[in-house]
Amino acid sequence: MRRRERSPKATVDLTRFVIRFVVVFLVAMAVLAGVWSFIAPGYASAVTGMARPIFRAIESPNVSVLEVRGAEIWIYRIVGPGEIAPFTWFDRYTFFAVIPLLALLVATPGLGWLRRMTRFGIAIGGLLIVHAAYLAVSVQLSYAAIGLTPVGPFLARTLDLWQVGVRVLWEAAPVAIWTLLAFGAWRRVFRGIRDGRRRQRLSTEAIGASNGVMIITTGEGRES
């Protein structure tokens, strides 16, 4: 059985796409990171606005007070009538994952501007939900860890696992969102490379076949 060799052109095309993707991602990452200090306050306000209803839904009674200070989110706990005390805070880099997520979408090939901008909106909205949920859940787990919130024996025994799991999901969320939004675009890119490889192979085989055929012409002699 002949071993099918990979087409050099297909390899070059794939390498070119990968190099382009990495270069565009790094450039977009640098630009977006440079403007993060201007974006962070608005993003922190959006996360806080989405997190407040989640706190109200999962706390009984509601003992947490959220405040935005520039790009920082401060969590206070009600400790008495009209009295609150600071509990923890999240700095501007807590939610920095939105920057590599947007850079990945900028670098994704095969997207027109309309599709790309639509995916920007979906990505930011999805990550806002994840970050707001992380804010609420991580604070509740911290309350439970130091005994401010009573929990059942099962949760008490597995509290460390819950904290690690929440952290892992929070870290993986940007990549998961990008994968879902970019899957179709990458599939079209690889399909184009595959189809190009097939066309080139068929063309090569056709040329080889035509070169390997001996064309014989016969002349008719006429006796005089």
C-alpha atoms as a PDB file:
ATOM      1  CA  MET A   1       0.000   0.000   0.000  1.00  0.00           C
ATOM      2  CA  ARG A   2       1.427   3.374  -0.965  1.00  0.00           C
ATOM      3  CA  ARG A   3       1.777   5.795   1.891  1.00  0.00           C
ATOM      4  CA  ARG A   4      -0.061   9.000   1.179  1.00  0.00           C
ATOM      5  CA  GLU A   5       2.232  11.954   1.740  1.00  0.00           C
ATOM      6  CA  ARG A   6       0.988  15.264   2.991  1.00  0.00           C
ATOM      7  CA  SER A   7       0.887  17.937   0.354  1.00  0.00           C
ATOM      8  CA  PRO A   8       3.659  20.540   0.849  1.00  0.00           C
ATOM      9  CA  LYS A   9       1.205  23.299  -0.078  1.00  0.00           C
ATOM     10  CA  ALA A  10      -1.273  22.121   2.567  1.00  0.00           C
ATOM     11  CA  THR A  11       1.478  22.162   5.174  1.00  0.00           C
ATOM     12  CA  VAL A  12       2.487  25.662   4.109  1.00  0.00           C
ATOM     13  CA  ASP A  13      -1.136  26.862   4.273  1.00  0.00           C
ATOM     14  CA  LEU A  14      -1.628  25.454   7.767  1.00  0.00           C
ATOM     15  CA  THR A  15       1.660  26.922   8.980  1.00  0.00           C
ATOM     16  CA  ARG A  16       0.744  30.292   7.504  1.00  0.00           C
ATOM     17  CA  PHE A  17      -2.618  30.291   9.314  1.00  0.00           C
ATOM     18  CA  VAL A  18      -1.017  29.328  12.631  1.00  0.00           C
ATOM     19  CA  ILE A  19       1.700  31.990  12.334  1.00  0.00           C
ATOM     20  CA  ARG A  20      -0.859  34.619  11.381  1.00  0.00           C
ATOM     21  CA  PHE A  21      -3.079  33.625  14.290  1.00  0.00           C
ATOM     22  CA  VAL A  22      -0.234  33.845  16.833  1.00  0.00           C
ATOM     23  CA  VAL A  23       1.070  37.186  15.526  1.00  0.00           C
ATOM     24  CA  VAL A  24      -2.370  38.832  15.397  1.00  0.00           C
ATOM     25  CA  PHE A  25      -3.214  37.464  18.848  1.00  0.00           C
ATOM     26  CA  LEU A  26      -0.030  38.883  20.388  1.00  0.00           C
ATOM     27  CA  VAL A  27      -0.524  42.292  18.758  1.00  0.00           C
ATOM     28  CA  ALA A  28      -4.207  42.447  19.774  1.00  0.00           C
ATOM     29  CA  MET A  29      -3.300  41.306  23.284  1.00  0.00           C
ATOM     30  CA  ALA A  30      -0.711  44.071  23.631  1.00  0.00           C
ATOM     31  CA  VAL A  31      -3.087  46.760  22.373  1.00  0.00           C
ATOM     32  CA  LEU A  32      -6.026  45.651  24.530  1.00  0.00           C
ATOM     33  CA  ALA A  33      -3.835  45.240  27.608  1.00  0.00           C
ATOM     34  CA  GLY A  34      -2.656  48.799  27.090  1.00  0.00           C
ATOM     35  CA  VAL A  35      -6.204  50.157  27.246  1.00  0.00           C
ATOM     36  CA  TRP A  36      -7.391  47.836  30.030  1.00  0.00           C
ATOM     37  CA  SER A  37      -6.921  50.532  32.676  1.00  0.00           C
ATOM     38  CA  PHE A  38      -9.547  52.611  30.829  1.00  0.00           C
ATOM     39  CA  ILE A  39     -11.912  49.669  30.284  1.00  0.00           C
ATOM     40  CA  ALA A  40     -11.604  48.107  33.742  1.00  0.00           C
ATOM     41  CA  PRO A  41     -13.801  50.594  35.685  1.00  0.00           C
ATOM     42  CA  GLY A  42     -16.729  50.123  33.320  1.00  0.00           C
ATOM     43  CA  TYR A  43     -16.291  46.366  33.317  1.00  0.00           C
ATOM     44  CA  ALA A  44     -16.130  46.301  37.131  1.00  0.00           C
ATOM     45  CA  SER A  45     -19.369  48.304  37.285  1.00  0.00           C
ATOM     46  CA  ALA A  46     -21.055  45.887  34.875  1.00  0.00           C
ATOM     47  CA  VAL A  47     -19.915  42.854  36.895  1.00  0.00           C
ATOM     48  CA  THR A  48     -21.139  44.450  40.114  1.00  0.00           C
ATOM     49  CA  GLY A  49     -24.504  45.313  38.603  1.00  0.00           C
ATOM     50  CA  MET A  50     -25.000  41.714  37.492  1.00  0.00           C
ATOM     51  CA  ALA A  51     -23.682  40.262  40.767  1.00  0.00           C
ATOM     52  CA  ARG A  52     -26.030  42.159  43.109  1.00  0.00           C
ATOM     53  CA  PRO A  53     -29.176  40.193  42.077  1.00  0.00           C
ATOM     54  CA  ILE A  54     -27.218  36.944  42.427  1.00  0.00           C
ATOM     55  CA  PHE A  55     -26.212  37.877  45.992  1.00  0.00           C
ATOM     56  CA  ARG A  56     -29.817  38.702  46.818  1.00  0.00           C
ATOM     57  CA  ALA A  57     -30.974  35.385  45.371  1.00  0.00           C
ATOM     58  CA  ILE A  58     -28.520  33.135  47.224  1.00  0.00           C
ATOM     59  CA  GLU A  59     -28.238  34.966  50.560  1.00  0.00           C
ATOM     60  CA  SER A  60     -30.829  34.739  53.287  1.00  0.00           C
ATOM     61  CA  PRO A  61     -30.687  37.194  54.902  1.00  0.00           C
ATOM     62  CA  ASN A  62     -28.816  39.446  52.490  1.00  0.00           C
ATOM     63  CA  VAL A  63     -25.667  40.460  54.364  1.00  0.00           C
ATOM     64  CA  SER A  64     -23.362  41.539  51.542  1.00  0.00           C
ATOM     65  CA  VAL A  65     -22.910  45.061  50.226  1.00  0.00           C
ATOM     66  CA  LEU A  66     -21.043  45.644  46.972  1.00  0.00           C
ATOM     67  CA  GLU A  67     -19.252  48.855  46.096  1.00  0.00           C
ATOM     68  CA  VAL A  68     -17.257  49.829  43.018  1.00  0.00           C
ATOM     69  CA  ARG A  69     -14.163  51.952  43.568  1.00  0.00           C
ATOM     70  CA  GLY A  70     -12.768  52.762  40.179  1.00  0.00           C
ATOM     71  CA  ALA A  71     -11.683  49.398  38.799  1.00  0.00           C
ATOM     72  CA  GLU A  72     -11.934  47.656  42.187  1.00  0.00           C
ATOM     73  CA  ILE A  73     -14.917  45.845  43.667  1.00  0.00           C
ATOM     74  CA  TRP A  74     -15.231  45.896  47.453  1.00  0.00           C
ATOM     75  CA  ILE A  75     -17.406  43.472  49.399  1.00  0.00           C
ATOM     76  CA  TYR A  76     -18.769  44.609  52.774  1.00  0.00           C
ATOM     77  CA  ARG A  77     -20.691  42.501  55.250  1.00  0.00           C
ATOM     78  CA  ILE A  78     -23.489  43.806  57.422  1.00  0.00           C
ATOM     79  CA  VAL A  79     -22.392  43.228  61.022  1.00  0.00           C
ATOM     80  CA  GLY A  80     -25.137  45.134  62.838  1.00  0.00           C
ATOM     81  CA  PRO A  81     -28.030  47.547  62.369  1.00  0.00           C
ATOM     82  CA  GLY A  82     -26.716  50.217  60.012  1.00  0.00           C
ATOM     83  CA  GLU A  83     -23.172  48.923  60.415  1.00  0.00           C
ATOM     84  CA  ILE A  84     -21.010  47.240  57.769  1.00  0.00           C
ATOM     85  CA  ALA A  85     -17.419  46.048  57.747  1.00  0.00           C
ATOM     86  CA  PRO A  86     -15.101  45.432  54.769  1.00  0.00           C
ATOM     87  CA  PHE A  87     -14.726  41.746  54.014  1.00  0.00           C
ATOM     88  CA  THR A  88     -12.695  41.429  50.795  1.00  0.00           C
ATOM     89  CA  TRP A  89     -11.930  43.200  47.539  1.00  0.00           C
ATOM     90  CA  PHE A  90     -11.169  42.343  43.914  1.00  0.00           C
ATOM     91  CA  ASP A  91      -8.650  44.411  41.974  1.00  0.00           C
ATOM     92  CA  ARG A  92      -8.643  45.392  38.293  1.00  0.00           C
ATOM     93  CA  TYR A  93      -6.783  42.247  37.246  1.00  0.00           C
ATOM     94  CA  THR A  94      -9.348  39.863  38.714  1.00  0.00           C
ATOM     95  CA  PHE A  95     -11.392  40.149  35.526  1.00  0.00           C
ATOM     96  CA  PHE A  96      -8.487  40.661  33.114  1.00  0.00           C
ATOM     97  CA  ALA A  97      -9.443  37.441  31.273  1.00  0.00           C
ATOM     98  CA  VAL A  98     -11.760  39.464  29.052  1.00  0.00           C
ATOM     99  CA  ILE A  99      -8.651  40.842  27.305  1.00  0.00           C
ATOM    100  CA  PRO A 100      -7.172  37.525  26.046  1.00  0.00           C
ATOM    101  CA  LEU A 101     -10.700  36.390  25.142  1.00  0.00           C
ATOM    102  CA  LEU A 102     -11.182  39.412  22.858  1.00  0.00           C
ATOM    103  CA  ALA A 103      -7.644  39.012  21.473  1.00  0.00           C
ATOM    104  CA  LEU A 104      -8.403  35.396  20.569  1.00  0.00           C
ATOM    105  CA  LEU A 105     -11.512  36.495  18.688  1.00  0.00           C
ATOM    106  CA  VAL A 106      -9.572  39.238  16.897  1.00  0.00           C
ATOM    107  CA  ALA A 107      -7.009  36.649  15.758  1.00  0.00           C
ATOM    108  CA  THR A 108      -9.551  34.010  14.714  1.00  0.00           C
ATOM    109  CA  PRO A 109      -9.425  33.690  10.897  1.00  0.00           C
ATOM    110  CA  GLY A 110     -12.416  33.339   8.621  1.00  0.00           C
ATOM    111  CA  LEU A 111     -14.718  35.838  10.379  1.00  0.00           C
ATOM    112  CA  GLY A 112     -16.210  38.847   8.663  1.00  0.00           C
ATOM    113  CA  TRP A 113     -16.562  42.076  10.611  1.00  0.00           C
ATOM    114  CA  LEU A 114     -20.260  41.542  11.326  1.00  0.00           C
ATOM    115  CA  ARG A 115     -19.697  38.027  12.655  1.00  0.00           C
ATOM    116  CA  ARG A 116     -16.660  39.152  14.610  1.00  0.00           C
ATOM    117  CA  MET A 117     -18.471  42.064  16.282  1.00  0.00           C
ATOM    118  CA  THR A 118     -21.437  39.809  17.083  1.00  0.00           C
ATOM    119  CA  ARG A 119     -19.100  37.338  18.739  1.00  0.00           C
ATOM    120  CA  PHE A 120     -17.461  40.159  20.682  1.00  0.00           C
ATOM    121  CA  GLY A 121     -20.827  41.026  22.179  1.00  0.00           C
ATOM    122  CA  ILE A 122     -21.688  37.415  22.967  1.00  0.00           C
ATOM    123  CA  ALA A 123     -18.238  36.789  24.476  1.00  0.00           C
ATOM    124  CA  ILE A 124     -18.346  39.858  26.720  1.00  0.00           C
ATOM    125  CA  GLY A 125     -21.900  39.080  27.827  1.00  0.00           C
ATOM    126  CA  GLY A 126     -21.054  35.448  28.582  1.00  0.00           C
ATOM    127  CA  LEU A 127     -17.919  36.344  30.513  1.00  0.00           C
ATOM    128  CA  LEU A 128     -19.784  39.021  32.481  1.00  0.00           C
ATOM    129  CA  ILE A 129     -22.226  36.342  33.647  1.00  0.00           C
ATOM    130  CA  VAL A 130     -19.359  34.023  34.590  1.00  0.00           C
ATOM    131  CA  HIS A 131     -17.527  36.759  36.488  1.00  0.00           C
ATOM    132  CA  ALA A 132     -20.651  37.905  38.323  1.00  0.00           C
ATOM    133  CA  ALA A 133     -21.430  34.327  39.343  1.00  0.00           C
ATOM    134  CA  TYR A 134     -17.814  33.790  40.407  1.00  0.00           C
ATOM    135  CA  LEU A 135     -17.940  36.931  42.534  1.00  0.00           C
ATOM    136  CA  ALA A 136     -21.058  35.762  44.373  1.00  0.00           C
ATOM    137  CA  VAL A 137     -20.087  32.105  44.758  1.00  0.00           C
ATOM    138  CA  SER A 138     -16.499  32.776  45.841  1.00  0.00           C
ATOM    139  CA  VAL A 139     -17.669  35.190  48.534  1.00  0.00           C
ATOM    140  CA  GLN A 140     -20.240  32.691  49.817  1.00  0.00           C
ATOM    141  CA  LEU A 141     -17.588  29.966  49.962  1.00  0.00           C
ATOM    142  CA  SER A 142     -15.309  32.343  51.869  1.00  0.00           C
ATOM    143  CA  TYR A 143     -18.105  33.023  54.365  1.00  0.00           C
ATOM    144  CA  ALA A 144     -18.536  29.282  54.844  1.00  0.00           C
ATOM    145  CA  ALA A 145     -14.792  28.665  55.146  1.00  0.00           C
ATOM    146  CA  ILE A 146     -14.427  31.007  58.121  1.00  0.00           C
ATOM    147  CA  GLY A 147     -17.694  30.019  59.786  1.00  0.00           C
ATOM    148  CA  LEU A 148     -19.780  33.080  58.977  1.00  0.00           C
ATOM    149  CA  THR A 149     -22.326  30.951  57.121  1.00  0.00           C
ATOM    150  CA  PRO A 150     -23.504  27.604  58.541  1.00  0.00           C
ATOM    151  CA  VAL A 151     -23.224  24.728  56.067  1.00  0.00           C
ATOM    152  CA  GLY A 152     -24.106  21.067  56.088  1.00  0.00           C
ATOM    153  CA  PRO A 153     -21.575  18.314  56.863  1.00  0.00           C
ATOM    154  CA  PHE A 154     -21.112  17.359  53.200  1.00  0.00           C
ATOM    155  CA  LEU A 155     -20.270  20.900  52.091  1.00  0.00           C
ATOM    156  CA  ALA A 156     -18.037  21.356  55.128  1.00  0.00           C
ATOM    157  CA  ARG A 157     -16.019  18.272  54.170  1.00  0.00           C
ATOM    158  CA  THR A 158     -15.763  19.202  50.484  1.00  0.00           C
ATOM    159  CA  LEU A 159     -15.384  22.963  50.843  1.00  0.00           C
ATOM    160  CA  ASP A 160     -11.803  22.978  49.565  1.00  0.00           C
ATOM    161  CA  LEU A 161     -12.843  21.007  46.483  1.00  0.00           C
ATOM    162  CA  TRP A 162     -15.663  23.451  45.784  1.00  0.00           C
ATOM    163  CA  GLN A 163     -13.270  26.391  46.010  1.00  0.00           C
ATOM    164  CA  VAL A 164     -10.788  24.729  43.662  1.00  0.00           C
ATOM    165  CA  GLY A 165     -13.556  23.765  41.241  1.00  0.00           C
ATOM    166  CA  VAL A 166     -14.955  27.292  41.128  1.00  0.00           C
ATOM    167  CA  ARG A 167     -11.467  28.654  40.511  1.00  0.00           C
ATOM    168  CA  VAL A 168     -10.806  26.181  37.698  1.00  0.00           C
ATOM    169  CA  LEU A 169     -14.124  26.939  36.000  1.00  0.00           C
ATOM    170  CA  TRP A 170     -13.438  30.663  36.290  1.00  0.00           C
ATOM    171  CA  GLU A 171      -9.983  30.283  34.728  1.00  0.00           C
ATOM    172  CA  ALA A 172     -11.252  28.006  31.937  1.00  0.00           C
ATOM    173  CA  ALA A 173     -14.304  30.089  31.043  1.00  0.00           C
ATOM    174  CA  PRO A 174     -12.582  32.433  28.517  1.00  0.00           C
ATOM    175  CA  VAL A 175     -11.072  29.532  26.568  1.00  0.00           C
ATOM    176  CA  ALA A 176     -14.370  27.643  26.629  1.00  0.00           C
ATOM    177  CA  ILE A 177     -16.290  30.688  25.354  1.00  0.00           C
ATOM    178  CA  TRP A 178     -13.743  31.307  22.599  1.00  0.00           C
ATOM    179  CA  THR A 179     -13.830  27.642  21.557  1.00  0.00           C
ATOM    180  CA  LEU A 180     -17.610  27.690  21.213  1.00  0.00           C
ATOM    181  CA  LEU A 181     -17.635  30.962  19.266  1.00  0.00           C
ATOM    182  CA  ALA A 182     -14.652  30.178  17.017  1.00  0.00           C
ATOM    183  CA  PHE A 183     -15.319  26.501  16.312  1.00  0.00           C
ATOM    184  CA  GLY A 184     -17.271  27.148  13.118  1.00  0.00           C
ATOM    185  CA  ALA A 185     -14.672  29.586  11.771  1.00  0.00           C
ATOM    186  CA  TRP A 186     -11.787  27.191  12.367  1.00  0.00           C
ATOM    187  CA  ARG A 187     -13.783  24.352  10.830  1.00  0.00           C
ATOM    188  CA  ARG A 188     -14.236  26.412   7.660  1.00  0.00           C
ATOM    189  CA  VAL A 189     -10.514  27.214   7.596  1.00  0.00           C
ATOM    190  CA  PHE A 190      -9.478  23.568   7.932  1.00  0.00           C
ATOM    191  CA  ARG A 191     -12.124  22.516   5.439  1.00  0.00           C
ATOM    192  CA  GLY A 192     -10.687  24.999   2.932  1.00  0.00           C
ATOM    193  CA  ILE A 193      -7.178  23.638   3.498  1.00  0.00           C
ATOM    194  CA  ARG A 194      -8.454  20.068   3.117  1.00  0.00           C
ATOM    195  CA  ASP A 195     -10.369  20.884  -0.072  1.00  0.00           C
ATOM    196  CA  GLY A 196      -7.334  22.668  -1.478  1.00  0.00           C
ATOM    197  CA  ARG A 197      -5.197  19.645  -0.673  1.00  0.00           C
ATOM    198  CA  ARG A 198      -7.712  17.355  -2.401  1.00  0.00           C
ATOM    199  CA  ARG A 199      -7.858  19.543  -5.512  1.00  0.00           C
ATOM    200  CA  GLN A 200      -4.078  19.674  -5.692  1.00  0.00           C
ATOM    201  CA  ARG A 201      -3.816  15.906  -5.293  1.00  0.00           C
ATOM    202  CA  LEU A 202      -6.384  15.281  -8.017  1.00  0.00           C
ATOM    203  CA  SER A 203      -4.607  17.746 -10.287  1.00  0.00           C
ATOM    204  CA  THR A 204      -1.255  16.042  -9.633  1.00  0.00           C
ATOM    205  CA  GLU A 205      -2.735  12.614 -10.273  1.00  0.00           C
ATOM    206  CA  ALA A 206      -4.341  13.821 -13.498  1.00  0.00           C
ATOM    207  CA  ILE A 207      -1.031  15.259 -14.732  1.00  0.00           C
ATOM    208  CA  GLY A 208       0.785  12.078 -13.787  1.00  0.00           C
ATOM    209  CA  ALA A 209      -1.782   9.952 -15.566  1.00  0.00           C
ATOM    210  CA  SER A 210      -1.578  12.020 -18.747  1.00  0.00           C
ATOM    211  CA  ASN A 211       2.234  11.845 -18.726  1.00  0.00           C
ATOM    212  CA  GLY A 212       2.162   8.105 -18.257  1.00  0.00           C
ATOM    213  CA  VAL A 213      -0.100   7.359 -21.257  1.00  0.00           C
ATOM    214  CA  MET A 214       1.583   6.531 -24.536  1.00  0.00           C
ATOM    215  CA  ILE A 215      -0.380   7.981 -27.401  1.00  0.00           C
ATOM    216  CA  ILE A 216      -0.028   5.905 -30.552  1.00  0.00           C
ATOM    217  CA  THR A 217      -1.199   7.179 -33.908  1.00  0.00           C
ATOM    218  CA  THR A 218      -1.409   4.983 -36.932  1.00  0.00           C
ATOM    219  CA  GLY A 219      -1.146   6.156 -40.490  1.00  0.00           C
ATOM    220  CA  GLU A 220      -2.968   4.375 -43.261  1.00  0.00           C
ATOM    221  CA  GLY A 221      -0.811   3.495 -46.256  1.00  0.00           C
ATOM    222  CA  ARG A 222      -2.228   3.559 -49.698  1.00  0.00           C
ATOM    223  CA  GLU A 223      -0.866   1.204 -52.296  1.00  0.00           C
ATOM    224  CA  SER A 224      -0.336   2.682 -55.632  1.00  0.00           C
END
